[in-house]
Protein backbone atom coordinates (compact mmCIF):
# COMPACT_ATOMS: atom_id res chain seq x y z
CA MET A 1 97.66 152.87 80.41
CA ARG A 2 93.94 152.17 79.92
CA CYS A 3 92.96 149.28 77.70
CA PRO A 4 90.36 150.23 75.04
CA VAL A 5 87.50 147.83 74.49
CA THR A 6 88.56 146.50 71.09
CA SER A 7 89.08 142.77 71.51
CA SER A 8 86.78 140.00 70.27
CA SER A 9 83.40 139.72 71.98
CA GLU A 10 84.08 136.06 72.72
CA ILE A 11 87.43 136.49 74.52
CA ASP A 12 88.16 135.66 78.12
CA ILE A 13 89.56 138.68 79.94
CA SER A 14 93.21 137.89 80.68
CA SER A 15 94.55 138.48 84.18
CA ALA A 16 96.81 141.24 82.81
CA ASN A 17 93.89 143.21 81.40
CA ARG A 18 91.19 142.24 83.88
CA CYS A 19 91.67 145.16 86.31
CA VAL A 20 91.76 147.69 83.50
CA ALA A 21 88.71 146.21 81.81
CA CYS A 22 86.87 146.09 85.12
CA ASN A 23 87.77 149.74 85.73
CA ASP A 24 86.11 150.67 82.43
CA MET A 25 83.06 148.60 83.32
CA ASP A 26 82.90 150.18 86.78
CA ARG A 27 82.75 153.61 85.19
CA LEU A 28 79.96 152.52 82.88
CA LYS A 29 78.02 150.90 85.72
CA ARG A 30 78.37 154.03 87.83
CA ARG A 31 76.94 156.06 84.96
CA LEU A 32 73.96 153.71 84.67
CA TRP A 33 73.34 154.01 88.41
CA GLU A 34 73.67 157.80 88.49
CA ASP A 35 71.60 158.47 85.36
CA LEU A 36 69.04 155.65 85.41
CA GLY A 37 69.09 154.23 88.94
CA LEU A 38 69.93 150.77 87.57
CA ASP A 39 72.41 148.71 89.59
CA PHE A 40 74.60 146.35 87.54
CA SER A 41 77.36 146.17 90.16
CA GLU A 42 76.75 142.49 90.92
CA TYR A 43 76.27 141.19 87.39
CA ARG A 44 78.99 138.82 86.23
CA GLU A 45 81.83 140.88 84.73
CA GLN A 46 82.49 138.73 81.67
CA HIS A 47 78.84 138.83 80.66
CA LEU A 48 78.79 142.64 80.79
CA TYR A 49 82.23 143.00 79.21
CA ARG A 50 81.42 140.83 76.19
CA ARG A 51 78.09 142.47 75.55
CA THR A 52 79.41 146.00 76.01
CA SER A 53 82.34 145.32 73.68
CA ARG A 54 80.02 144.01 70.99
CA HIS A 55 77.60 146.91 71.41
CA MET A 56 80.32 149.57 71.29
CA ARG A 57 81.80 148.14 68.09
CA SER A 58 78.35 148.04 66.50
CA LYS A 59 78.10 151.78 67.19
CA GLY A 60 81.60 152.46 65.85
CA PHE A 61 83.34 153.20 69.17
CA GLN A 62 86.80 151.94 70.10
CA ASP A 63 87.19 153.22 73.67
CA ILE A 64 85.05 153.78 76.71
CA ASP A 65 85.73 157.52 77.04
CA THR A 66 84.32 158.35 73.62
CA TYR A 67 81.37 156.06 74.23
CA LEU A 68 80.52 157.65 77.60
CA THR A 69 80.71 161.12 76.07
CA TRP A 70 78.36 160.02 73.32
CA LEU A 71 75.92 158.57 75.86
CA SER A 72 75.89 161.90 77.70
CA GLN A 73 75.01 163.70 74.49
CA ASN A 74 72.44 161.08 73.41
CA PRO A 75 70.65 159.85 76.56
CA SER A 76 68.02 158.03 74.50
CA GLU A 77 70.77 155.58 73.52
CA TYR A 78 70.80 154.15 77.05
CA GLU A 79 67.83 152.06 75.94
CA GLY A 80 69.98 150.16 73.44
CA LEU A 81 72.64 149.50 76.06
CA ILE A 82 70.10 148.13 78.55
CA GLU A 83 68.77 145.82 75.83
CA VAL A 84 72.20 144.26 75.26
CA PHE A 85 72.79 143.86 79.00
CA THR A 86 69.58 141.90 79.48
CA ILE A 87 68.61 138.52 78.05
CA HIS A 88 66.04 138.40 75.27
CA TYR A 89 66.17 134.87 73.84
CA THR A 90 62.68 133.55 74.44
CA MET A 91 59.76 131.90 72.69
CA PHE A 92 56.32 130.57 73.51
CA PHE A 93 56.36 127.37 75.59
CA ARG A 94 60.13 127.12 75.59
CA ASP A 95 60.90 123.76 77.26
CA PRO A 96 57.47 122.12 76.71
CA GLU A 97 58.14 119.43 79.36
CA LEU A 98 58.36 122.10 82.04
CA PHE A 99 55.03 123.60 81.03
CA ASP A 100 53.45 120.14 81.08
CA ILE A 101 54.58 119.71 84.69
CA VAL A 102 53.29 123.18 85.62
CA SER A 103 49.91 122.44 84.06
CA SER A 104 49.47 118.87 85.37
CA GLN A 105 51.13 119.13 88.80
CA VAL A 106 51.90 122.67 89.93
CA PHE A 107 48.57 124.32 89.16
CA PRO A 108 46.50 121.57 90.88
CA LEU A 109 48.78 121.75 93.91
CA LEU A 110 48.34 125.51 94.16
CA ALA A 111 44.60 125.31 93.53
CA GLU A 112 44.16 122.87 96.41
CA ARG A 113 45.97 125.27 98.71
CA LYS A 114 44.02 128.30 97.48
CA GLU A 115 40.70 126.55 98.00
CA SER A 116 41.74 125.39 101.49
CA VAL A 117 42.26 128.99 102.62
CA GLY A 118 39.20 130.33 100.80
CA SER A 119 41.13 132.39 98.26
CA ARG A 120 39.90 132.81 94.68
CA LEU A 121 42.86 134.46 92.92
CA MET A 122 45.97 132.60 91.73
CA ARG A 123 48.82 135.08 91.17
CA VAL A 124 51.87 134.32 88.99
CA TRP A 125 55.00 136.46 88.64
CA CYS A 126 57.25 136.03 85.58
CA ALA A 127 60.47 137.83 86.56
CA GLY A 128 62.81 138.89 83.75
CA CYS A 129 60.01 138.40 81.23
CA ALA A 130 61.73 140.17 78.29
CA THR A 131 59.22 140.54 75.43
CA GLY A 132 56.52 138.52 77.16
CA GLU A 133 56.44 135.13 75.47
CA GLU A 134 56.86 133.18 78.71
CA ALA A 135 54.31 135.30 80.61
CA TYR A 136 51.74 134.80 77.86
CA SER A 137 52.50 131.05 77.75
CA VAL A 138 51.78 130.80 81.47
CA GLY A 139 48.65 132.87 80.93
CA MET A 140 47.35 130.45 78.30
CA LEU A 141 47.83 127.48 80.62
CA LEU A 142 46.36 129.32 83.59
CA ARG A 143 43.35 130.45 81.55
CA ASP A 144 42.65 126.83 80.62
CA PHE A 145 43.08 125.70 84.21
CA VAL A 146 40.86 128.25 85.97
CA SER A 147 38.14 127.94 83.31
CA LYS A 148 37.46 124.45 84.72
CA ARG A 149 37.25 125.76 88.30
CA GLU A 150 34.56 128.34 88.87
CA ALA A 151 36.01 129.20 92.28
CA LEU A 152 39.34 130.35 90.83
CA GLN A 153 40.63 133.30 88.84
CA GLY A 154 44.16 133.95 87.62
CA VAL A 155 46.52 136.80 86.88
CA VAL A 156 50.07 136.81 85.48
CA ILE A 157 52.46 139.71 86.05
CA GLY A 158 55.55 139.95 83.84
CA THR A 159 58.38 142.22 84.97
CA ASP A 160 61.63 143.42 83.43
CA ILE A 161 64.06 146.35 83.63
CA ASP A 162 63.98 146.92 79.87
CA LEU A 163 61.16 149.33 79.04
CA ALA A 164 61.43 148.71 75.29
CA SER A 165 60.94 144.96 75.81
CA LEU A 166 57.94 145.61 78.06
CA GLU A 167 56.35 147.83 75.45
CA ARG A 168 56.68 145.05 72.88
CA ALA A 169 55.22 142.61 75.39
CA ARG A 170 52.21 144.85 75.99
CA ARG A 171 51.55 145.09 72.26
CA GLY A 172 51.24 141.32 72.18
CA VAL A 173 52.23 140.96 68.53
CA PHE A 174 54.82 138.32 67.63
CA PRO A 175 56.58 136.90 64.56
CA ARG A 176 56.07 133.31 63.45
CA GLU A 177 59.53 132.37 64.78
CA SER A 178 58.40 132.98 68.38
CA LEU A 179 55.61 130.41 67.98
CA LYS A 180 57.65 127.50 66.65
CA SER A 181 57.18 125.44 69.84
CA LEU A 182 53.41 125.98 69.74
CA PRO A 183 51.19 123.44 67.89
CA ILE A 184 49.03 124.76 65.06
CA GLU A 185 45.86 124.35 67.14
CA GLY A 186 47.43 126.56 69.82
CA ARG A 187 48.19 129.27 67.27
CA GLU A 188 44.62 129.16 66.00
CA ARG A 189 43.16 129.27 69.50
CA TRP A 190 45.28 131.93 71.18
CA PHE A 191 46.31 134.23 68.33
CA VAL A 192 44.79 136.36 65.61
CA LYS A 193 46.96 136.13 62.48
CA ARG A 194 47.59 139.20 60.39
CA ASN A 195 49.95 138.79 57.45
CA ASP A 196 52.91 136.96 59.02
CA LEU A 197 52.39 138.34 62.54
CA PHE A 198 50.36 136.85 65.40
CA ARG A 199 48.46 138.93 67.95
CA ILE A 200 47.58 137.51 71.37
CA GLU A 201 43.86 136.75 71.82
CA PRO A 202 42.09 139.41 73.99
CA SER A 203 41.19 137.14 76.94
CA ILE A 204 44.90 136.35 77.47
CA ARG A 205 45.91 139.99 77.07
CA GLN A 206 43.48 140.86 79.87
CA MET A 207 44.93 138.21 82.18
CA VAL A 208 48.62 139.04 81.61
CA ARG A 209 49.99 142.40 82.81
CA PHE A 210 53.46 143.90 82.52
CA LYS A 211 55.38 146.11 84.92
CA LEU A 212 58.79 147.80 85.03
CA HIS A 213 60.70 146.22 87.89
CA ASP A 214 64.37 145.82 88.85
CA LEU A 215 65.08 142.54 90.66
CA VAL A 216 68.23 144.05 92.16
CA THR A 217 66.94 147.26 93.72
CA ASP A 218 63.13 147.07 93.86
CA MET A 219 61.05 145.45 96.56
CA PRO A 220 59.58 142.09 95.48
CA LEU A 221 55.97 141.76 94.44
CA GLU A 222 53.71 140.46 97.19
CA GLY A 223 51.22 137.63 97.62
CA MET A 224 52.50 135.45 94.77
CA ASP A 225 51.52 131.80 94.39
CA LEU A 226 53.96 130.95 91.60
CA ILE A 227 57.16 132.66 90.40
CA PHE A 228 58.98 131.96 87.14
CA CYS A 229 62.58 133.23 86.90
CA ARG A 230 64.34 131.16 84.28
CA ASN A 231 67.88 131.65 82.99
CA VAL A 232 68.30 135.02 84.70
CA LEU A 233 70.17 134.23 87.91
CA ILE A 234 73.18 132.77 86.08
CA TYR A 235 74.17 136.29 85.03
CA PHE A 236 74.42 137.46 88.65
CA LYS A 237 77.22 136.94 91.17
CA GLY A 238 76.52 134.46 93.96
CA ALA A 239 75.70 137.00 96.69
CA LEU A 240 73.15 138.72 94.45
CA GLN A 241 71.61 135.38 93.45
CA GLU A 242 71.09 134.62 97.12
CA ARG A 243 69.46 137.99 97.83
CA ILE A 244 67.08 137.63 94.90
CA ILE A 245 66.07 134.11 95.92
CA ARG A 246 65.31 135.49 99.38
CA LYS A 247 63.17 138.16 97.74
CA PHE A 248 61.27 135.44 95.91
CA HIS A 249 60.80 133.60 99.20
CA ASP A 250 59.33 136.77 100.73
CA ALA A 251 57.10 137.31 97.69
CA LEU A 252 55.56 133.82 97.83
CA GLU A 253 52.60 132.82 99.92
CA ALA A 254 53.00 129.77 102.19
CA GLY A 255 53.37 126.70 99.96
CA GLY A 256 54.11 128.88 96.92
CA ILE A 257 56.19 127.56 94.02
CA LEU A 258 59.42 128.88 92.48
CA VAL A 259 60.42 127.79 88.96
CA LEU A 260 64.04 128.38 87.91
CA GLY A 261 65.88 127.61 84.67
CA LYS A 262 67.76 124.38 84.05
CA THR A 263 71.08 126.18 84.56
CA ASP A 264 69.89 127.98 87.70
CA GLY A 265 69.57 126.63 91.20
CA LEU A 266 69.40 127.52 94.86
CA CYS A 267 72.62 128.79 96.39
CA GLY A 268 74.22 129.43 99.75
CA CYS A 269 71.85 129.67 102.68
CA THR A 270 68.75 129.65 100.47
CA ASN A 271 68.64 125.85 100.21
CA GLY A 272 66.72 125.64 103.48
CA LEU A 273 64.07 128.08 102.25
CA PHE A 274 62.67 125.72 99.60
CA GLU A 275 62.10 122.05 98.92
CA LYS A 276 62.63 120.69 95.42
CA ILE A 277 59.48 118.99 94.16
CA SER A 278 60.53 117.89 90.66
CA GLY A 279 63.25 115.45 89.74
CA ARG A 280 63.66 116.75 86.19
CA GLU A 281 63.07 120.48 86.54
CA GLN A 282 64.17 123.23 88.90
CA ILE A 283 60.81 123.55 90.67
CA PHE A 284 60.77 124.35 94.37
CA MET A 285 58.11 124.78 97.07
CA LYS A 286 58.50 127.43 99.75
CA ASN A 287 59.05 125.96 103.20
CA SER A 288 56.79 127.35 105.89
């Protein structure tokens, strides 16, 4: 007997139901791979199970068969499913202490290296950028930093697998709630206010770009000096975490910096690829 997805979104999957629940999730993940080319096979099962259960109930479905049939008939609804699978909680300058360290320590360290090799462009990758708040935050800091160094320029590339989130990021228009960690002077400097919405100032919009990219299946970006990937890896199984960290290692230039979330960390054989350079934050330098 197959177990329909009807239990509370906060439950732990019991050992009696785990195989059945996983079978339902396997079918859904196969559909996502076949129809969209998105590989969720190594995401943590409980994360996907809880979010799928909640999403199905919100759409009025009680079992996976009916839901899969409905998806086949309404392929545009895949977008909503991808949104609930991915993480969207973000705001400008979330964790201000981290951004202080990036501005005061990481950027100068990278600038010294760039100047030593005669390179002018500092490249930053924000992986799993959701609706863009983090990428724009980095862009604001980087804009300030390179404006004081005529020999340097900067670019920030935000990537995500959720096209709807990327489209919102490209629009660069945000509600007041997203700016609650930003001082008033920052709002006045970097945003144009219209009614109760805030639009990113044009010079930052020009510096920050967004791209559809799947960390699991796509090749990493190349020639990066700094990579942000915060609070994303915790939703992946250990083997996938390790492969993605190796991708980041390949993406970084010699001496490049990787910034992970407080709940993330290096795993398995990847510890030897980086050296931690901050006592308080998960900031690592690529070993040569």
